[in-house]
């Protein structure tokens, strides 16, 4: 009789520990959704080619599953060269960086900024490019 009680006790304990017969483990939720980038702003909208003008790049980024891991901005210059910077988390969902664009040439044109975000599960997304005009400096005074 003691052996039967012991076996019933073991079976009952295993049954209780496995979620009352339900397998014992919670369903695994996999994050397959990329972060959402809802707003990208670059200010000011015009740069002076030979100046040391910097721009502030801001983006609103959210990820409802695993959370935002990294937000970066890539600048593509008129001469085709590129530079990348990491945006820092600010208030709420806003990420920002003060960026000083520079490239080898002095030609005017457009600087394209693309913000990308990656979540903690490795999913990533990119926003549409935002262009900023790189203008030539005004001519000097003739005297």
C-alpha atoms as a PDB file:
ATOM      1  CA  UNK A   1       0.000   0.000   0.000  1.00  0.00           C
ATOM      2  CA  UNK A   2       2.893   2.398   0.744  1.00  0.00           C
ATOM      3  CA  UNK A   3       4.322   1.793  -2.741  1.00  0.00           C
ATOM      4  CA  UNK A   4       1.018   2.708  -4.406  1.00  0.00           C
ATOM      5  CA  UNK A   5       0.711   5.935  -2.358  1.00  0.00           C
ATOM      6  CA  UNK A   6       4.289   6.858  -3.264  1.00  0.00           C
ATOM      7  CA  UNK A   7       3.649   6.299  -7.008  1.00  0.00           C
ATOM      8  CA  UNK A   8       0.388   8.290  -6.848  1.00  0.00           C
ATOM      9  CA  UNK A   9       2.240  11.103  -5.062  1.00  0.00           C
ATOM     10  CA  UNK A  10       4.980  11.191  -7.732  1.00  0.00           C
ATOM     11  CA  UNK A  11       2.490  11.094 -10.639  1.00  0.00           C
ATOM     12  CA  UNK A  12       0.371  13.814  -8.992  1.00  0.00           C
ATOM     13  CA  UNK A  13       3.400  16.026  -8.438  1.00  0.00           C
ATOM     14  CA  UNK A  14       4.587  15.661 -12.027  1.00  0.00           C
ATOM     15  CA  UNK A  15       1.075  16.391 -13.276  1.00  0.00           C
ATOM     16  CA  UNK A  16       0.907  19.577 -11.155  1.00  0.00           C
ATOM     17  CA  UNK A  17       4.397  20.724 -12.135  1.00  0.00           C
ATOM     18  CA  UNK A  18       3.657  20.356 -15.857  1.00  0.00           C
ATOM     19  CA  UNK A  19       0.731  22.726 -15.716  1.00  0.00           C
ATOM     20  CA  UNK A  20      -1.921  20.168 -14.827  1.00  0.00           C
ATOM     21  CA  UNK A  21      -1.167  18.014 -17.818  1.00  0.00           C
ATOM     22  CA  UNK A  22      -0.773  20.872 -20.296  1.00  0.00           C
ATOM     23  CA  UNK A  23       2.856  20.264 -21.244  1.00  0.00           C
ATOM     24  CA  UNK A  24       4.461  22.491 -18.645  1.00  0.00           C
ATOM     25  CA  UNK A  25       5.803  25.305 -20.796  1.00  0.00           C
ATOM     26  CA  UNK A  26       4.409  28.651 -21.833  1.00  0.00           C
ATOM     27  CA  UNK A  27       4.019  29.325 -25.548  1.00  0.00           C
ATOM     28  CA  UNK A  28       7.077  30.902 -27.133  1.00  0.00           C
ATOM     29  CA  UNK A  29       6.405  34.273 -28.765  1.00  0.00           C
ATOM     30  CA  UNK A  30       8.818  35.168 -31.546  1.00  0.00           C
ATOM     31  CA  UNK A  31       9.421  38.818 -32.489  1.00  0.00           C
ATOM     32  CA  UNK A  32       9.328  39.049 -36.280  1.00  0.00           C
ATOM     33  CA  UNK A  33       8.163  42.668 -36.552  1.00  0.00           C
ATOM     34  CA  UNK A  34      10.710  45.360 -37.372  1.00  0.00           C
ATOM     35  CA  UNK A  35      10.790  48.637 -35.406  1.00  0.00           C
ATOM     36  CA  UNK A  36       8.558  51.440 -36.647  1.00  0.00           C
ATOM     37  CA  UNK A  37      10.135  54.757 -37.661  1.00  0.00           C
ATOM     38  CA  UNK A  38       7.313  57.286 -37.714  1.00  0.00           C
ATOM     39  CA  UNK A  39       9.103  60.627 -38.130  1.00  0.00           C
ATOM     40  CA  UNK A  40      12.501  61.804 -39.340  1.00  0.00           C
ATOM     41  CA  UNK A  41      13.506  65.458 -39.081  1.00  0.00           C
ATOM     42  CA  UNK A  42      16.751  67.107 -40.189  1.00  0.00           C
ATOM     43  CA  UNK A  43      17.310  70.753 -39.207  1.00  0.00           C
ATOM     44  CA  UNK A  44      18.420  73.069 -40.727  1.00  0.00           C
ATOM     45  CA  UNK A  45      17.401  72.165 -44.263  1.00  0.00           C
ATOM     46  CA  UNK A  46      20.383  73.915 -45.919  1.00  0.00           C
ATOM     47  CA  UNK A  47      24.118  73.473 -45.324  1.00  0.00           C
ATOM     48  CA  UNK A  48      26.945  75.729 -46.469  1.00  0.00           C
ATOM     49  CA  UNK A  49      29.517  73.513 -48.206  1.00  0.00           C
ATOM     50  CA  UNK A  50      32.661  75.116 -46.810  1.00  0.00           C
ATOM     51  CA  UNK A  51      31.163  75.900 -43.402  1.00  0.00           C
ATOM     52  CA  UNK A  52      31.068  73.822 -40.280  1.00  0.00           C
ATOM     53  CA  UNK A  53      27.305  73.715 -40.180  1.00  0.00           C
ATOM     54  CA  UNK A  54      25.897  70.844 -38.197  1.00  0.00           C
ATOM     55  CA  UNK A  55      22.429  69.379 -38.391  1.00  0.00           C
ATOM     56  CA  UNK A  56      20.219  67.789 -35.771  1.00  0.00           C
ATOM     57  CA  UNK A  57      18.757  64.484 -36.906  1.00  0.00           C
ATOM     58  CA  UNK A  58      15.726  63.255 -34.954  1.00  0.00           C
ATOM     59  CA  UNK A  59      13.513  60.217 -35.390  1.00  0.00           C
ATOM     60  CA  UNK A  60      10.606  58.665 -33.514  1.00  0.00           C
ATOM     61  CA  UNK A  61      11.218  54.916 -33.215  1.00  0.00           C
ATOM     62  CA  UNK A  62       9.103  52.270 -31.477  1.00  0.00           C
ATOM     63  CA  UNK A  63       9.156  48.496 -31.152  1.00  0.00           C
ATOM     64  CA  UNK A  64       6.278  46.816 -29.321  1.00  0.00           C
ATOM     65  CA  UNK A  65       7.862  43.379 -28.917  1.00  0.00           C
ATOM     66  CA  UNK A  66      11.526  43.076 -27.967  1.00  0.00           C
ATOM     67  CA  UNK A  67      12.363  46.806 -27.775  1.00  0.00           C
ATOM     68  CA  UNK A  68      14.636  49.120 -29.768  1.00  0.00           C
ATOM     69  CA  UNK A  69      18.297  48.079 -29.756  1.00  0.00           C
ATOM     70  CA  UNK A  70      19.981  50.684 -32.012  1.00  0.00           C
ATOM     71  CA  UNK A  71      19.100  53.650 -34.213  1.00  0.00           C
ATOM     72  CA  UNK A  72      21.583  55.002 -36.777  1.00  0.00           C
ATOM     73  CA  UNK A  73      21.654  57.623 -39.512  1.00  0.00           C
ATOM     74  CA  UNK A  74      23.668  57.281 -42.716  1.00  0.00           C
ATOM     75  CA  UNK A  75      24.541  60.427 -44.655  1.00  0.00           C
ATOM     76  CA  UNK A  76      25.328  60.140 -48.365  1.00  0.00           C
ATOM     77  CA  UNK A  77      27.212  63.190 -49.645  1.00  0.00           C
ATOM     78  CA  UNK A  78      27.207  64.826 -53.112  1.00  0.00           C
ATOM     79  CA  UNK A  79      30.558  63.162 -53.941  1.00  0.00           C
ATOM     80  CA  UNK A  80      29.119  59.690 -53.122  1.00  0.00           C
ATOM     81  CA  UNK A  81      30.978  59.205 -49.829  1.00  0.00           C
ATOM     82  CA  UNK A  82      29.057  58.156 -46.727  1.00  0.00           C
ATOM     83  CA  UNK A  83      29.178  58.526 -42.950  1.00  0.00           C
ATOM     84  CA  UNK A  84      27.144  56.833 -40.214  1.00  0.00           C
ATOM     85  CA  UNK A  85      26.328  58.029 -36.693  1.00  0.00           C
ATOM     86  CA  UNK A  86      24.327  56.503 -33.832  1.00  0.00           C
ATOM     87  CA  UNK A  87      21.309  58.341 -32.475  1.00  0.00           C
ATOM     88  CA  UNK A  88      20.853  58.470 -28.688  1.00  0.00           C
ATOM     89  CA  UNK A  89      17.586  57.777 -26.910  1.00  0.00           C
ATOM     90  CA  UNK A  90      15.920  60.942 -25.731  1.00  0.00           C
ATOM     91  CA  UNK A  91      12.526  61.444 -24.196  1.00  0.00           C
ATOM     92  CA  UNK A  92       9.860  58.821 -24.874  1.00  0.00           C
ATOM     93  CA  UNK A  93      10.370  57.440 -28.406  1.00  0.00           C
ATOM     94  CA  UNK A  94      12.605  60.206 -29.785  1.00  0.00           C
ATOM     95  CA  UNK A  95      16.200  59.430 -30.809  1.00  0.00           C
ATOM     96  CA  UNK A  96      18.581  62.227 -31.865  1.00  0.00           C
ATOM     97  CA  UNK A  97      22.138  63.151 -32.809  1.00  0.00           C
ATOM     98  CA  UNK A  98      23.941  66.401 -33.639  1.00  0.00           C
ATOM     99  CA  UNK A  99      25.699  65.566 -36.918  1.00  0.00           C
ATOM    100  CA  UNK A 100      28.435  67.572 -38.662  1.00  0.00           C
ATOM    101  CA  UNK A 101      28.438  66.496 -42.305  1.00  0.00           C
ATOM    102  CA  UNK A 102      31.776  66.578 -44.105  1.00  0.00           C
ATOM    103  CA  UNK A 103      33.047  65.199 -47.376  1.00  0.00           C
ATOM    104  CA  UNK A 104      36.169  65.447 -49.464  1.00  0.00           C
ATOM    105  CA  UNK A 105      34.761  67.643 -52.197  1.00  0.00           C
ATOM    106  CA  UNK A 106      33.460  71.147 -51.953  1.00  0.00           C
ATOM    107  CA  UNK A 107      30.715  70.742 -54.536  1.00  0.00           C
ATOM    108  CA  UNK A 108      27.161  71.697 -53.656  1.00  0.00           C
ATOM    109  CA  UNK A 109      24.325  69.204 -54.014  1.00  0.00           C
ATOM    110  CA  UNK A 110      22.070  67.208 -51.737  1.00  0.00           C
ATOM    111  CA  UNK A 111      23.060  65.318 -48.603  1.00  0.00           C
ATOM    112  CA  UNK A 112      20.728  62.346 -48.111  1.00  0.00           C
ATOM    113  CA  UNK A 113      20.028  61.146 -44.567  1.00  0.00           C
ATOM    114  CA  UNK A 114      18.572  57.657 -43.978  1.00  0.00           C
ATOM    115  CA  UNK A 115      17.574  56.584 -40.455  1.00  0.00           C
ATOM    116  CA  UNK A 116      17.616  52.854 -39.683  1.00  0.00           C
ATOM    117  CA  UNK A 117      16.524  50.996 -36.545  1.00  0.00           C
ATOM    118  CA  UNK A 118      17.151  47.488 -35.210  1.00  0.00           C
ATOM    119  CA  UNK A 119      15.264  45.772 -32.403  1.00  0.00           C
ATOM    120  CA  UNK A 120      16.652  43.383 -29.785  1.00  0.00           C
ATOM    121  CA  UNK A 121      15.466  40.370 -31.833  1.00  0.00           C
ATOM    122  CA  UNK A 122      17.553  41.507 -34.842  1.00  0.00           C
ATOM    123  CA  UNK A 123      14.704  42.853 -37.018  1.00  0.00           C
ATOM    124  CA  UNK A 124      15.506  46.102 -38.816  1.00  0.00           C
ATOM    125  CA  UNK A 125      13.845  48.821 -40.858  1.00  0.00           C
ATOM    126  CA  UNK A 126      14.808  52.045 -42.614  1.00  0.00           C
ATOM    127  CA  UNK A 127      12.894  55.247 -43.195  1.00  0.00           C
ATOM    128  CA  UNK A 128      12.727  57.104 -46.497  1.00  0.00           C
ATOM    129  CA  UNK A 129      15.678  59.390 -47.214  1.00  0.00           C
ATOM    130  CA  UNK A 130      15.514  63.014 -46.121  1.00  0.00           C
ATOM    131  CA  UNK A 131      17.480  65.411 -48.331  1.00  0.00           C
ATOM    132  CA  UNK A 132      19.280  68.543 -47.200  1.00  0.00           C
ATOM    133  CA  UNK A 133      20.618  71.052 -49.710  1.00  0.00           C
ATOM    134  CA  UNK A 134      24.367  71.675 -49.519  1.00  0.00           C
ATOM    135  CA  UNK A 135      24.772  75.168 -50.967  1.00  0.00           C
ATOM    136  CA  UNK A 136      27.940  76.912 -52.073  1.00  0.00           C
ATOM    137  CA  UNK A 137      28.989  79.816 -49.872  1.00  0.00           C
ATOM    138  CA  UNK A 138      28.094  83.295 -51.104  1.00  0.00           C
ATOM    139  CA  UNK A 139      30.833  85.102 -53.033  1.00  0.00           C
ATOM    140  CA  UNK A 140      33.098  87.415 -51.039  1.00  0.00           C
ATOM    141  CA  UNK A 141      32.797  91.163 -51.267  1.00  0.00           C
ATOM    142  CA  UNK A 142      34.790  92.668 -54.143  1.00  0.00           C
ATOM    143  CA  UNK A 143      36.638  95.185 -51.948  1.00  0.00           C
END
